[in-house]
């Protein structure tokens, strides 16, 4: 199932990132290994779901990872 990502290969990424804000702790990170070509669309998906995206890669390992971080909870005055 993990290899069946739909027409663009990102269906699973969309499902996981949509749910991630519900179970990630503040400042928690979701890491998704993807292809270099798919990384820009994965970044858009991560951002659209309220996570702060960034991309990390390793030429030596030929690996690309999109990292989505759940923002820290904002506290008001006196909290």
C-alpha atoms as a PDB file:
ATOM      1  CA  UNK A   1       0.000   0.000   0.000  1.00  0.00           C
ATOM      2  CA  UNK A   2       2.834   2.407   0.770  1.00  0.00           C
ATOM      3  CA  UNK A   3       4.009   2.152  -2.815  1.00  0.00           C
ATOM      4  CA  UNK A   4       0.573   2.958  -4.257  1.00  0.00           C
ATOM      5  CA  UNK A   5       0.668   6.723  -4.092  1.00  0.00           C
ATOM      6  CA  UNK A   6      -1.929   7.454  -6.736  1.00  0.00           C
ATOM      7  CA  UNK A   7      -1.437   9.267 -10.002  1.00  0.00           C
ATOM      8  CA  UNK A   8       1.290  11.613  -8.743  1.00  0.00           C
ATOM      9  CA  UNK A   9       2.714   9.329  -6.046  1.00  0.00           C
ATOM     10  CA  UNK A  10       1.681  11.611  -3.177  1.00  0.00           C
ATOM     11  CA  UNK A  11      -1.716  10.272  -2.055  1.00  0.00           C
ATOM     12  CA  UNK A  12      -0.249   8.685   1.086  1.00  0.00           C
ATOM     13  CA  UNK A  13       1.727  11.856   1.847  1.00  0.00           C
ATOM     14  CA  UNK A  14      -1.493  13.880   1.622  1.00  0.00           C
ATOM     15  CA  UNK A  15      -3.330  11.504   3.975  1.00  0.00           C
ATOM     16  CA  UNK A  16      -0.545  11.436   6.560  1.00  0.00           C
ATOM     17  CA  UNK A  17       0.101  15.182   6.531  1.00  0.00           C
ATOM     18  CA  UNK A  18      -3.630  15.927   6.850  1.00  0.00           C
ATOM     19  CA  UNK A  19      -3.769  13.908  10.073  1.00  0.00           C
ATOM     20  CA  UNK A  20      -0.336  14.832  11.470  1.00  0.00           C
ATOM     21  CA  UNK A  21      -1.373  18.082  13.200  1.00  0.00           C
ATOM     22  CA  UNK A  22      -3.809  16.030  15.290  1.00  0.00           C
ATOM     23  CA  UNK A  23      -1.156  13.712  16.740  1.00  0.00           C
ATOM     24  CA  UNK A  24       2.141  15.574  16.498  1.00  0.00           C
ATOM     25  CA  UNK A  25       3.251  17.388  19.650  1.00  0.00           C
ATOM     26  CA  UNK A  26       4.077  21.088  19.300  1.00  0.00           C
ATOM     27  CA  UNK A  27       7.521  21.282  17.668  1.00  0.00           C
ATOM     28  CA  UNK A  28       7.118  17.616  16.677  1.00  0.00           C
ATOM     29  CA  UNK A  29       8.345  16.610  13.227  1.00  0.00           C
ATOM     30  CA  UNK A  30       6.998  14.412  10.475  1.00  0.00           C
ATOM     31  CA  UNK A  31       9.649  13.109   8.065  1.00  0.00           C
ATOM     32  CA  UNK A  32       8.674  11.889   4.604  1.00  0.00           C
ATOM     33  CA  UNK A  33      11.243  10.387   2.273  1.00  0.00           C
ATOM     34  CA  UNK A  34      10.428  11.333  -1.294  1.00  0.00           C
ATOM     35  CA  UNK A  35      12.090  11.796  -4.629  1.00  0.00           C
ATOM     36  CA  UNK A  36      13.869  15.035  -5.425  1.00  0.00           C
ATOM     37  CA  UNK A  37      11.324  15.647  -8.207  1.00  0.00           C
ATOM     38  CA  UNK A  38       8.348  15.179  -5.854  1.00  0.00           C
ATOM     39  CA  UNK A  39       9.799  17.293  -3.026  1.00  0.00           C
ATOM     40  CA  UNK A  40       8.278  20.637  -4.151  1.00  0.00           C
ATOM     41  CA  UNK A  41       4.758  19.156  -4.267  1.00  0.00           C
ATOM     42  CA  UNK A  42       5.314  17.385  -0.947  1.00  0.00           C
ATOM     43  CA  UNK A  43       6.419  20.712   0.591  1.00  0.00           C
ATOM     44  CA  UNK A  44       3.197  22.339  -0.652  1.00  0.00           C
ATOM     45  CA  UNK A  45       1.160  19.513   0.864  1.00  0.00           C
ATOM     46  CA  UNK A  46       2.942  19.803   4.219  1.00  0.00           C
ATOM     47  CA  UNK A  47       2.435  23.583   4.315  1.00  0.00           C
ATOM     48  CA  UNK A  48      -1.223  23.328   3.259  1.00  0.00           C
ATOM     49  CA  UNK A  49      -1.824  21.136   6.316  1.00  0.00           C
ATOM     50  CA  UNK A  50      -0.419  23.669   8.772  1.00  0.00           C
ATOM     51  CA  UNK A  51       3.073  22.266   9.217  1.00  0.00           C
ATOM     52  CA  UNK A  52       6.261  24.234   8.658  1.00  0.00           C
ATOM     53  CA  UNK A  53       8.093  22.539   5.772  1.00  0.00           C
ATOM     54  CA  UNK A  54      11.765  22.172   4.973  1.00  0.00           C
ATOM     55  CA  UNK A  55      13.774  19.821   2.777  1.00  0.00           C
ATOM     56  CA  UNK A  56      16.889  17.908   3.751  1.00  0.00           C
ATOM     57  CA  UNK A  57      18.959  15.782   1.450  1.00  0.00           C
ATOM     58  CA  UNK A  58      22.063  13.702   1.159  1.00  0.00           C
ATOM     59  CA  UNK A  59      23.927  13.408  -2.108  1.00  0.00           C
ATOM     60  CA  UNK A  60      25.966  10.530  -0.690  1.00  0.00           C
ATOM     61  CA  UNK A  61      22.828   8.569   0.158  1.00  0.00           C
ATOM     62  CA  UNK A  62      20.839   9.891  -2.811  1.00  0.00           C
ATOM     63  CA  UNK A  63      18.037  10.724  -0.370  1.00  0.00           C
ATOM     64  CA  UNK A  64      15.536  13.567  -0.092  1.00  0.00           C
ATOM     65  CA  UNK A  65      13.366  14.111   2.992  1.00  0.00           C
ATOM     66  CA  UNK A  66      10.581  16.616   3.483  1.00  0.00           C
ATOM     67  CA  UNK A  67      10.250  17.575   7.143  1.00  0.00           C
ATOM     68  CA  UNK A  68       7.048  19.082   8.484  1.00  0.00           C
ATOM     69  CA  UNK A  69       7.190  20.641  11.939  1.00  0.00           C
ATOM     70  CA  UNK A  70       4.081  21.394  13.945  1.00  0.00           C
ATOM     71  CA  UNK A  71       4.274  25.000  15.130  1.00  0.00           C
ATOM     72  CA  UNK A  72       4.727  25.761  18.806  1.00  0.00           C
ATOM     73  CA  UNK A  73       1.513  26.605  20.599  1.00  0.00           C
ATOM     74  CA  UNK A  74       1.066  30.339  20.893  1.00  0.00           C
ATOM     75  CA  UNK A  75       0.407  31.525  24.419  1.00  0.00           C
ATOM     76  CA  UNK A  76      -1.323  34.729  25.311  1.00  0.00           C
ATOM     77  CA  UNK A  77      -0.359  37.224  28.002  1.00  0.00           C
ATOM     78  CA  UNK A  78      -0.513  35.711  31.465  1.00  0.00           C
ATOM     79  CA  UNK A  79      -0.423  32.081  30.252  1.00  0.00           C
END
